[in-house]
Protein backbone atom coordinates (compact mmCIF):
# COMPACT_ATOMS: atom_id res chain seq x y z
CA MET A 1 -0.19 -0.06 0.19
CA LEU A 2 2.78 2.01 0.91
CA TYR A 3 3.84 1.64 -2.81
CA LEU A 4 1.22 3.69 -4.10
CA LEU A 5 2.31 6.77 -1.90
CA LEU A 6 6.56 6.71 -3.72
CA PRO A 7 6.86 9.56 -5.99
CA GLU A 8 6.15 8.37 -10.01
CA ARG A 9 10.21 8.02 -10.52
CA VAL A 10 10.53 5.97 -7.51
CA ARG A 11 7.76 3.33 -8.64
CA ALA A 12 9.52 2.80 -11.88
CA HIS A 13 12.56 1.66 -9.97
CA ARG A 14 13.03 -2.23 -10.98
CA LEU A 15 13.75 -2.93 -7.39
CA VAL A 16 10.03 -1.24 -6.24
CA ALA A 17 7.92 -2.62 -9.34
CA MET A 18 8.26 -5.94 -8.35
CA GLY A 19 6.03 -8.43 -10.69
CA TRP A 20 3.13 -10.39 -9.58
CA PRO A 21 4.83 -13.54 -8.37
CA VAL A 22 7.01 -12.03 -5.75
CA ARG A 23 4.30 -9.72 -4.69
CA LEU A 24 2.12 -12.76 -4.41
CA GLY A 25 5.36 -14.50 -2.58
CA VAL A 26 5.57 -11.90 0.55
CA PHE A 27 1.87 -11.57 0.57
CA LEU A 28 1.71 -15.77 1.35
CA LEU A 29 4.58 -15.19 3.88
CA LEU A 30 2.70 -11.95 5.49
CA TRP A 31 -0.71 -13.70 5.63
CA LEU A 32 0.82 -17.20 6.79
CA TYR A 33 2.64 -15.04 10.03
CA PHE A 34 -0.72 -13.01 10.61
CA VAL A 35 -2.38 -16.60 10.46
CA TYR A 36 0.46 -17.58 13.42
CA ILE A 37 -0.65 -14.58 15.63
CA GLU A 38 -4.70 -15.44 14.82
CA TRP A 39 -5.13 -12.30 12.49
CA GLY A 40 -5.07 -14.32 9.62
CA ALA A 41 -9.25 -13.39 8.08
CA VAL A 42 -8.25 -9.44 8.58
CA PHE A 43 -4.90 -9.63 6.99
CA PHE A 44 -6.86 -11.32 4.13
CA ILE A 45 -9.68 -8.92 3.37
CA CYS A 46 -7.30 -6.27 3.88
CA GLY A 47 -5.45 -7.53 1.39
CA LEU A 48 -8.80 -7.89 -1.39
CA LEU A 49 -9.14 -4.18 -0.29
CA TYR A 50 -5.59 -3.33 -1.58
CA LEU A 51 -6.13 -5.65 -4.87
CA LEU A 52 -9.63 -3.64 -5.58
CA VAL A 53 -8.19 -0.08 -4.80
CA SER A 54 -5.59 -0.97 -6.76
CA SER A 55 -7.26 -2.43 -9.40
CA MET A 56 -9.05 0.98 -9.79
CA ARG A 57 -6.19 3.30 -10.16
CA GLY A 58 -6.26 5.75 -12.98
CA ASP A 59 -2.90 4.49 -14.74
CA SER A 60 -4.88 1.80 -16.68
CA GLN A 61 -7.18 4.35 -18.37
CA ARG A 62 -4.19 5.85 -19.48
CA ARG A 63 -2.42 3.58 -21.40
CA SER A 64 -5.87 2.03 -22.34
CA GLY A 65 -7.39 5.42 -23.55
CA PRO A 66 -10.94 6.35 -23.79
CA ASN A 67 -13.15 5.13 -20.77
CA ALA A 68 -16.96 4.04 -22.22
CA CYS A 69 -18.18 5.96 -19.62
CA SER A 70 -17.72 9.80 -20.90
CA VAL A 71 -17.66 11.63 -17.40
CA PHE A 72 -13.85 9.38 -16.67
CA ASN A 73 -12.55 10.56 -20.29
CA ARG A 74 -10.91 13.94 -20.65
CA ASN A 75 -13.43 17.14 -21.39
CA CYS A 76 -16.21 14.20 -21.21
CA GLU A 77 -15.57 13.28 -24.41
CA ARG A 78 -17.89 10.43 -25.33
CA LEU A 79 -17.45 8.09 -27.22
CA ASP A 80 -18.07 7.74 -31.17
CA GLY A 81 -21.62 6.23 -31.70
CA THR A 82 -22.67 6.52 -28.25
CA PHE A 83 -26.43 7.12 -27.58
CA THR A 84 -27.03 10.23 -26.47
CA ALA A 85 -30.24 11.76 -23.70
CA GLU A 86 -30.74 14.39 -26.58
CA GLU A 87 -31.31 12.08 -29.26
CA PHE A 88 -33.58 9.55 -27.98
CA ASP A 89 -35.28 12.87 -26.84
CA ARG A 90 -35.90 13.40 -30.08
CA SER A 91 -36.60 10.33 -31.16
CA LEU A 92 -39.22 10.00 -29.53
CA ARG A 93 -40.79 13.13 -30.24
CA SER A 94 -40.15 12.31 -34.18
CA GLY A 95 -39.97 8.94 -34.67
CA PHE A 96 -37.36 6.78 -35.32
CA SER A 97 -36.43 7.27 -38.22
């Protein structure tokens, strides 16, 4: 979790940016320790919450392009072919043409 608080240039460092096998190994070792001290369930739930929060970071959006929800895009730009409320209202008032 402290990994997210580090500056971008530090996070890009090879030793800090661990691969998923190393992270999984560290998590399992820590989880076994917390099971030993009878706090395993709490550690596991906190680990799941961390996984949830880290998967929703904004870094992935910048790499993958625009989001289907226009609210999350820069300047609220919508994707081509998006059916807007104005188009829906116009089609209800004048028919589907």
